[in-house]
Amino acid sequence: MIHVFKTTVNTQTQVSELKPYLDKLFPYSEWNFDLEDCDNVFRIESSEDLLCYVEFLFKAFDIDCEVLE
């Protein structure tokens, strides 16, 4: 399953800060940010439903995120 989020992450520095947490929380998932997209998209592919975990992590970093359908 692939989840796609609109985020307020807009720098590579922010991605670097999130990376260790994303890797630890989602060790068997593939994820990436598209900072060139107007929605600063975060995409994660996993066999599990991770929506609440992603939202919780981003909120801890004061990052807004919204699921894109």
PDB file of N, CA and C in Angstrom:
ATOM      1  N   MET A   1       0.847  -1.166   0.000  1.00  0.00           N
ATOM      2  CA  MET A   1       0.000   0.000   0.000  1.00  0.00           C
ATOM      3  C   MET A   1       0.894   1.231   0.000  1.00  0.00           C
ATOM      4  N   ILE A   2       0.510   2.223  -0.760  1.00  0.00           N
ATOM      5  CA  ILE A   2       1.268   3.469  -0.858  1.00  0.00           C
ATOM      6  C   ILE A   2       0.431   4.596  -0.273  1.00  0.00           C
ATOM      7  N   HIS A   3       1.054   5.340   0.633  1.00  0.00           N
ATOM      8  CA  HIS A   3       0.404   6.507   1.225  1.00  0.00           C
ATOM      9  C   HIS A   3       1.130   7.745   0.715  1.00  0.00           C
ATOM     10  N   VAL A   4       0.362   8.772   0.398  1.00  0.00           N
ATOM     11  CA  VAL A   4       0.931  10.012  -0.115  1.00  0.00           C
ATOM     12  C   VAL A   4       0.393  11.163   0.727  1.00  0.00           C
ATOM     13  N   PHE A   5       1.317  12.023   1.168  1.00  0.00           N
ATOM     14  CA  PHE A   5       0.959  13.137   2.038  1.00  0.00           C
ATOM     15  C   PHE A   5       1.449  14.455   1.460  1.00  0.00           C
ATOM     16  N   LYS A   6       0.659  15.476   1.612  1.00  0.00           N
ATOM     17  CA  LYS A   6       1.077  16.855   1.377  1.00  0.00           C
ATOM     18  C   LYS A   6       1.717  17.298   2.684  1.00  0.00           C
ATOM     19  N   THR A   7       2.905  17.916   2.630  1.00  0.00           N
ATOM     20  CA  THR A   7       3.590  18.314   3.863  1.00  0.00           C
ATOM     21  C   THR A   7       4.111  19.745   3.780  1.00  0.00           C
ATOM     22  N   THR A   8       4.572  20.212   4.928  1.00  0.00           N
ATOM     23  CA  THR A   8       5.238  21.517   4.981  1.00  0.00           C
ATOM     24  C   THR A   8       6.757  21.345   5.051  1.00  0.00           C
ATOM     25  N   VAL A   9       7.244  20.160   4.766  1.00  0.00           N
ATOM     26  CA  VAL A   9       8.691  19.923   4.666  1.00  0.00           C
ATOM     27  C   VAL A   9       9.143  20.562   3.361  1.00  0.00           C
ATOM     28  N   ASN A  10      10.097  21.493   3.451  1.00  0.00           N
ATOM     29  CA  ASN A  10      10.504  22.149   2.212  1.00  0.00           C
ATOM     30  C   ASN A  10      12.016  22.286   2.040  1.00  0.00           C
ATOM     31  N   THR A  11      12.788  21.655   2.935  1.00  0.00           N
ATOM     32  CA  THR A  11      14.248  21.700   2.780  1.00  0.00           C
ATOM     33  C   THR A  11      14.848  20.314   2.977  1.00  0.00           C
ATOM     34  N   GLN A  12      16.004  20.129   2.390  1.00  0.00           N
ATOM     35  CA  GLN A  12      16.726  18.872   2.562  1.00  0.00           C
ATOM     36  C   GLN A  12      17.175  18.717   4.014  1.00  0.00           C
ATOM     37  N   THR A  13      17.404  19.819   4.704  1.00  0.00           N
ATOM     38  CA  THR A  13      17.774  19.777   6.121  1.00  0.00           C
ATOM     39  C   THR A  13      16.661  19.133   6.943  1.00  0.00           C
ATOM     40  N   GLN A  14      15.422  19.498   6.663  1.00  0.00           N
ATOM     41  CA  GLN A  14      14.294  18.890   7.368  1.00  0.00           C
ATOM     42  C   GLN A  14      14.218  17.386   7.076  1.00  0.00           C
ATOM     43  N   VAL A  15      14.432  17.016   5.840  1.00  0.00           N
ATOM     44  CA  VAL A  15      14.418  15.602   5.476  1.00  0.00           C
ATOM     45  C   VAL A  15      15.514  14.868   6.252  1.00  0.00           C
ATOM     46  N   SER A  16      16.680  15.454   6.325  1.00  0.00           N
ATOM     47  CA  SER A  16      17.798  14.843   7.053  1.00  0.00           C
ATOM     48  C   SER A  16      17.492  14.684   8.538  1.00  0.00           C
ATOM     49  N   GLU A  17      16.783  15.639   9.114  1.00  0.00           N
ATOM     50  CA  GLU A  17      16.394  15.547  10.525  1.00  0.00           C
ATOM     51  C   GLU A  17      15.381  14.423  10.747  1.00  0.00           C
ATOM     52  N   LEU A  18      14.480  14.229   9.804  1.00  0.00           N
ATOM     53  CA  LEU A  18      13.452  13.195   9.919  1.00  0.00           C
ATOM     54  C   LEU A  18      13.970  11.798   9.598  1.00  0.00           C
ATOM     55  N   LYS A  19      14.983  11.701   8.758  1.00  0.00           N
ATOM     56  CA  LYS A  19      15.456  10.415   8.251  1.00  0.00           C
ATOM     57  C   LYS A  19      15.710   9.368   9.337  1.00  0.00           C
ATOM     58  N   PRO A  20      16.461   9.659  10.408  1.00  0.00           N
ATOM     59  CA  PRO A  20      16.702   8.592  11.395  1.00  0.00           C
ATOM     60  C   PRO A  20      15.419   8.087  12.052  1.00  0.00           C
ATOM     61  N   TYR A  21      14.465   8.964  12.248  1.00  0.00           N
ATOM     62  CA  TYR A  21      13.191   8.571  12.860  1.00  0.00           C
ATOM     63  C   TYR A  21      12.346   7.747  11.897  1.00  0.00           C
ATOM     64  N   LEU A  22      12.308   8.172  10.642  1.00  0.00           N
ATOM     65  CA  LEU A  22      11.559   7.426   9.638  1.00  0.00           C
ATOM     66  C   LEU A  22      12.164   6.039   9.428  1.00  0.00           C
ATOM     67  N   ASP A  23      13.492   5.977   9.384  1.00  0.00           N
ATOM     68  CA  ASP A  23      14.157   4.687   9.205  1.00  0.00           C
ATOM     69  C   ASP A  23      13.904   3.753  10.387  1.00  0.00           C
ATOM     70  N   LYS A  24      13.892   4.314  11.585  1.00  0.00           N
ATOM     71  CA  LYS A  24      13.685   3.491  12.778  1.00  0.00           C
ATOM     72  C   LYS A  24      12.216   3.050  12.915  1.00  0.00           C
ATOM     73  N   LEU A  25      11.289   3.976  12.657  1.00  0.00           N
ATOM     74  CA  LEU A  25       9.865   3.646  12.782  1.00  0.00           C
ATOM     75  C   LEU A  25       9.372   2.733  11.667  1.00  0.00           C
ATOM     76  N   PHE A  26       9.945   2.897  10.489  1.00  0.00           N
ATOM     77  CA  PHE A  26       9.468   2.164   9.319  1.00  0.00           C
ATOM     78  C   PHE A  26      10.625   1.419   8.640  1.00  0.00           C
ATOM     79  N   PRO A  27      11.244   0.464   9.340  1.00  0.00           N
ATOM     80  CA  PRO A  27      12.451  -0.183   8.795  1.00  0.00           C
ATOM     81  C   PRO A  27      12.216  -1.019   7.536  1.00  0.00           C
ATOM     82  N   TYR A  28      10.998  -1.455   7.315  1.00  0.00           N
ATOM     83  CA  TYR A  28      10.714  -2.311   6.151  1.00  0.00           C
ATOM     84  C   TYR A  28       9.900  -1.583   5.095  1.00  0.00           C
ATOM     85  N   SER A  29       9.907  -0.273   5.155  1.00  0.00           N
ATOM     86  CA  SER A  29       9.134   0.545   4.222  1.00  0.00           C
ATOM     87  C   SER A  29      10.062   1.374   3.349  1.00  0.00           C
ATOM     88  N   GLU A  30       9.596   1.658   2.161  1.00  0.00           N
ATOM     89  CA  GLU A  30      10.297   2.569   1.256  1.00  0.00           C
ATOM     90  C   GLU A  30       9.613   3.921   1.363  1.00  0.00           C
ATOM     91  N   TRP A  31      10.382   4.989   1.544  1.00  0.00           N
ATOM     92  CA  TRP A  31       9.787   6.315   1.656  1.00  0.00           C
ATOM     93  C   TRP A  31      10.670   7.334   0.939  1.00  0.00           C
ATOM     94  N   ASN A  32      10.052   8.461   0.563  1.00  0.00           N
ATOM     95  CA  ASN A  32      10.805   9.556  -0.045  1.00  0.00           C
ATOM     96  C   ASN A  32       9.991  10.840   0.015  1.00  0.00           C
ATOM     97  N   PHE A  33      10.692  11.938  -0.146  1.00  0.00           N
ATOM     98  CA  PHE A  33      10.078  13.260  -0.252  1.00  0.00           C
ATOM     99  C   PHE A  33      10.309  13.778  -1.658  1.00  0.00           C
ATOM    100  N   ASP A  34       9.322  14.474  -2.198  1.00  0.00           N
ATOM    101  CA  ASP A  34       9.470  15.174  -3.465  1.00  0.00           C
ATOM    102  C   ASP A  34       9.335  16.656  -3.162  1.00  0.00           C
ATOM    103  N   LEU A  35      10.465  17.300  -2.900  1.00  0.00           N
ATOM    104  CA  LEU A  35      10.457  18.709  -2.526  1.00  0.00           C
ATOM    105  C   LEU A  35      10.271  19.627  -3.725  1.00  0.00           C
ATOM    106  N   GLU A  36      10.326  19.082  -4.918  1.00  0.00           N
ATOM    107  CA  GLU A  36      10.084  19.888  -6.121  1.00  0.00           C
ATOM    108  C   GLU A  36       8.607  19.954  -6.468  1.00  0.00           C
ATOM    109  N   ASP A  37       7.818  19.084  -5.870  1.00  0.00           N
ATOM    110  CA  ASP A  37       6.375  19.105  -6.058  1.00  0.00           C
ATOM    111  C   ASP A  37       5.799  20.268  -5.235  1.00  0.00           C
ATOM    112  N   CYS A  38       4.770  20.913  -5.730  1.00  0.00           N
ATOM    113  CA  CYS A  38       4.184  22.065  -5.034  1.00  0.00           C
ATOM    114  C   CYS A  38       3.600  21.685  -3.668  1.00  0.00           C
ATOM    115  N   ASP A  39       3.298  20.400  -3.468  1.00  0.00           N
ATOM    116  CA  ASP A  39       2.753  19.931  -2.191  1.00  0.00           C
ATOM    117  C   ASP A  39       3.811  19.330  -1.278  1.00  0.00           C
ATOM    118  N   ASN A  40       5.092  19.410  -1.671  1.00  0.00           N
ATOM    119  CA  ASN A  40       6.178  18.819  -0.873  1.00  0.00           C
ATOM    120  C   ASN A  40       5.790  17.420  -0.412  1.00  0.00           C
ATOM    121  N   VAL A  41       5.543  16.574  -1.362  1.00  0.00           N
ATOM    122  CA  VAL A  41       4.955  15.260  -1.133  1.00  0.00           C
ATOM    123  C   VAL A  41       5.893  14.332  -0.367  1.00  0.00           C
ATOM    124  N   PHE A  42       5.314  13.654   0.610  1.00  0.00           N
ATOM    125  CA  PHE A  42       5.960  12.535   1.295  1.00  0.00           C
ATOM    126  C   PHE A  42       5.219  11.285   0.867  1.00  0.00           C
ATOM    127  N   ARG A  43       5.968  10.299   0.366  1.00  0.00           N
ATOM    128  CA  ARG A  43       5.372   9.054  -0.134  1.00  0.00           C
ATOM    129  C   ARG A  43       6.004   7.899   0.627  1.00  0.00           C
ATOM    130  N   ILE A  44       5.167   7.007   1.131  1.00  0.00           N
ATOM    131  CA  ILE A  44       5.676   5.838   1.843  1.00  0.00           C
ATOM    132  C   ILE A  44       4.940   4.590   1.355  1.00  0.00           C
ATOM    133  N   GLU A  45       5.717   3.555   1.088  1.00  0.00           N
ATOM    134  CA  GLU A  45       5.152   2.284   0.639  1.00  0.00           C
ATOM    135  C   GLU A  45       5.398   1.248   1.726  1.00  0.00           C
ATOM    136  N   SER A  46       4.321   0.611   2.147  1.00  0.00           N
ATOM    137  CA  SER A  46       4.412  -0.357   3.231  1.00  0.00           C
ATOM    138  C   SER A  46       3.281  -1.363   3.133  1.00  0.00           C
ATOM    139  N   SER A  47       3.497  -2.500   3.750  1.00  0.00           N
ATOM    140  CA  SER A  47       2.432  -3.498   3.806  1.00  0.00           C
ATOM    141  C   SER A  47       1.483  -3.220   4.970  1.00  0.00           C
ATOM    142  N   GLU A  48       1.820  -2.242   5.802  1.00  0.00           N
ATOM    143  CA  GLU A  48       1.008  -1.897   6.961  1.00  0.00           C
ATOM    144  C   GLU A  48       0.342  -0.540   6.778  1.00  0.00           C
ATOM    145  N   ASP A  49      -0.699  -0.300   7.566  1.00  0.00           N
ATOM    146  CA  ASP A  49      -1.357   0.996   7.570  1.00  0.00           C
ATOM    147  C   ASP A  49      -0.613   1.895   8.555  1.00  0.00           C
ATOM    148  N   LEU A  50       0.099   2.889   8.045  1.00  0.00           N
ATOM    149  CA  LEU A  50       0.988   3.706   8.859  1.00  0.00           C
ATOM    150  C   LEU A  50       0.505   5.140   9.053  1.00  0.00           C
ATOM    151  N   LEU A  51      -0.701   5.434   8.632  1.00  0.00           N
ATOM    152  CA  LEU A  51      -1.165   6.819   8.637  1.00  0.00           C
ATOM    153  C   LEU A  51      -0.985   7.511   9.980  1.00  0.00           C
ATOM    154  N   CYS A  52      -1.450   6.900  11.054  1.00  0.00           N
ATOM    155  CA  CYS A  52      -1.397   7.573  12.357  1.00  0.00           C
ATOM    156  C   CYS A  52       0.040   7.758  12.825  1.00  0.00           C
ATOM    157  N   TYR A  53       0.939   6.832  12.480  1.00  0.00           N
ATOM    158  CA  TYR A  53       2.337   6.958  12.878  1.00  0.00           C
ATOM    159  C   TYR A  53       3.023   8.109  12.150  1.00  0.00           C
ATOM    160  N   VAL A  54       2.746   8.236  10.874  1.00  0.00           N
ATOM    161  CA  VAL A  54       3.315   9.341  10.098  1.00  0.00           C
ATOM    162  C   VAL A  54       2.812  10.672  10.646  1.00  0.00           C
ATOM    163  N   GLU A  55       1.521  10.771  10.857  1.00  0.00           N
ATOM    164  CA  GLU A  55       0.946  12.018  11.373  1.00  0.00           C
ATOM    165  C   GLU A  55       1.524  12.359  12.747  1.00  0.00           C
ATOM    166  N   PHE A  56       1.682  11.360  13.619  1.00  0.00           N
ATOM    167  CA  PHE A  56       2.234  11.579  14.952  1.00  0.00           C
ATOM    168  C   PHE A  56       3.678  12.076  14.873  1.00  0.00           C
ATOM    169  N   LEU A  57       4.500  11.441  14.051  1.00  0.00           N
ATOM    170  CA  LEU A  57       5.894  11.840  13.910  1.00  0.00           C
ATOM    171  C   LEU A  57       6.012  13.263  13.379  1.00  0.00           C
ATOM    172  N   PHE A  58       5.265  13.576  12.322  1.00  0.00           N
ATOM    173  CA  PHE A  58       5.350  14.908  11.742  1.00  0.00           C
ATOM    174  C   PHE A  58       4.871  15.966  12.729  1.00  0.00           C
ATOM    175  N   LYS A  59       3.840  15.659  13.485  1.00  0.00           N
ATOM    176  CA  LYS A  59       3.336  16.603  14.479  1.00  0.00           C
ATOM    177  C   LYS A  59       4.414  16.875  15.535  1.00  0.00           C
ATOM    178  N   ALA A  60       5.168  15.861  15.920  1.00  0.00           N
ATOM    179  CA  ALA A  60       6.243  16.020  16.901  1.00  0.00           C
ATOM    180  C   ALA A  60       7.315  16.975  16.394  1.00  0.00           C
ATOM    181  N   PHE A  61       7.488  17.061  15.079  1.00  0.00           N
ATOM    182  CA  PHE A  61       8.451  17.967  14.468  1.00  0.00           C
ATOM    183  C   PHE A  61       7.795  19.268  14.000  1.00  0.00           C
ATOM    184  N   ASP A  62       6.549  19.478  14.385  1.00  0.00           N
ATOM    185  CA  ASP A  62       5.785  20.679  14.012  1.00  0.00           C
ATOM    186  C   ASP A  62       5.671  20.821  12.492  1.00  0.00           C
ATOM    187  N   ILE A  63       5.432  19.685  11.844  1.00  0.00           N
ATOM    188  CA  ILE A  63       5.255  19.634  10.397  1.00  0.00           C
ATOM    189  C   ILE A  63       3.801  19.288  10.109  1.00  0.00           C
ATOM    190  N   ASP A  64       3.180  20.077   9.270  1.00  0.00           N
ATOM    191  CA  ASP A  64       1.815  19.785   8.852  1.00  0.00           C
ATOM    192  C   ASP A  64       1.846  18.720   7.764  1.00  0.00           C
ATOM    193  N   CYS A  65       0.883  17.810   7.828  1.00  0.00           N
ATOM    194  CA  CYS A  65       0.742  16.839   6.751  1.00  0.00           C
ATOM    195  C   CYS A  65      -0.714  16.515   6.569  1.00  0.00           C
ATOM    196  N   GLU A  66      -1.031  16.179   5.338  1.00  0.00           N
ATOM    197  CA  GLU A  66      -2.416  15.889   4.957  1.00  0.00           C
ATOM    198  C   GLU A  66      -2.391  14.770   3.919  1.00  0.00           C
ATOM    199  N   VAL A  67      -3.215  13.787   4.114  1.00  0.00           N
ATOM    200  CA  VAL A  67      -3.279  12.667   3.174  1.00  0.00           C
ATOM    201  C   VAL A  67      -3.821  13.166   1.838  1.00  0.00           C
ATOM    202  N   LEU A  68      -3.127  12.799   0.770  1.00  0.00           N
ATOM    203  CA  LEU A  68      -3.596  13.100  -0.579  1.00  0.00           C
ATOM    204  C   LEU A  68      -4.251  11.843  -1.131  1.00  0.00           C
ATOM    205  N   GLU A  69      -5.419  11.996  -1.669  1.00  0.00           N
ATOM    206  CA  GLU A  69      -6.155  10.852  -2.229  1.00  0.00           C
ATOM    207  C   GLU A  69      -5.766  10.638  -3.663  1.00  0.00           C
TER     208      GLU A  69
END
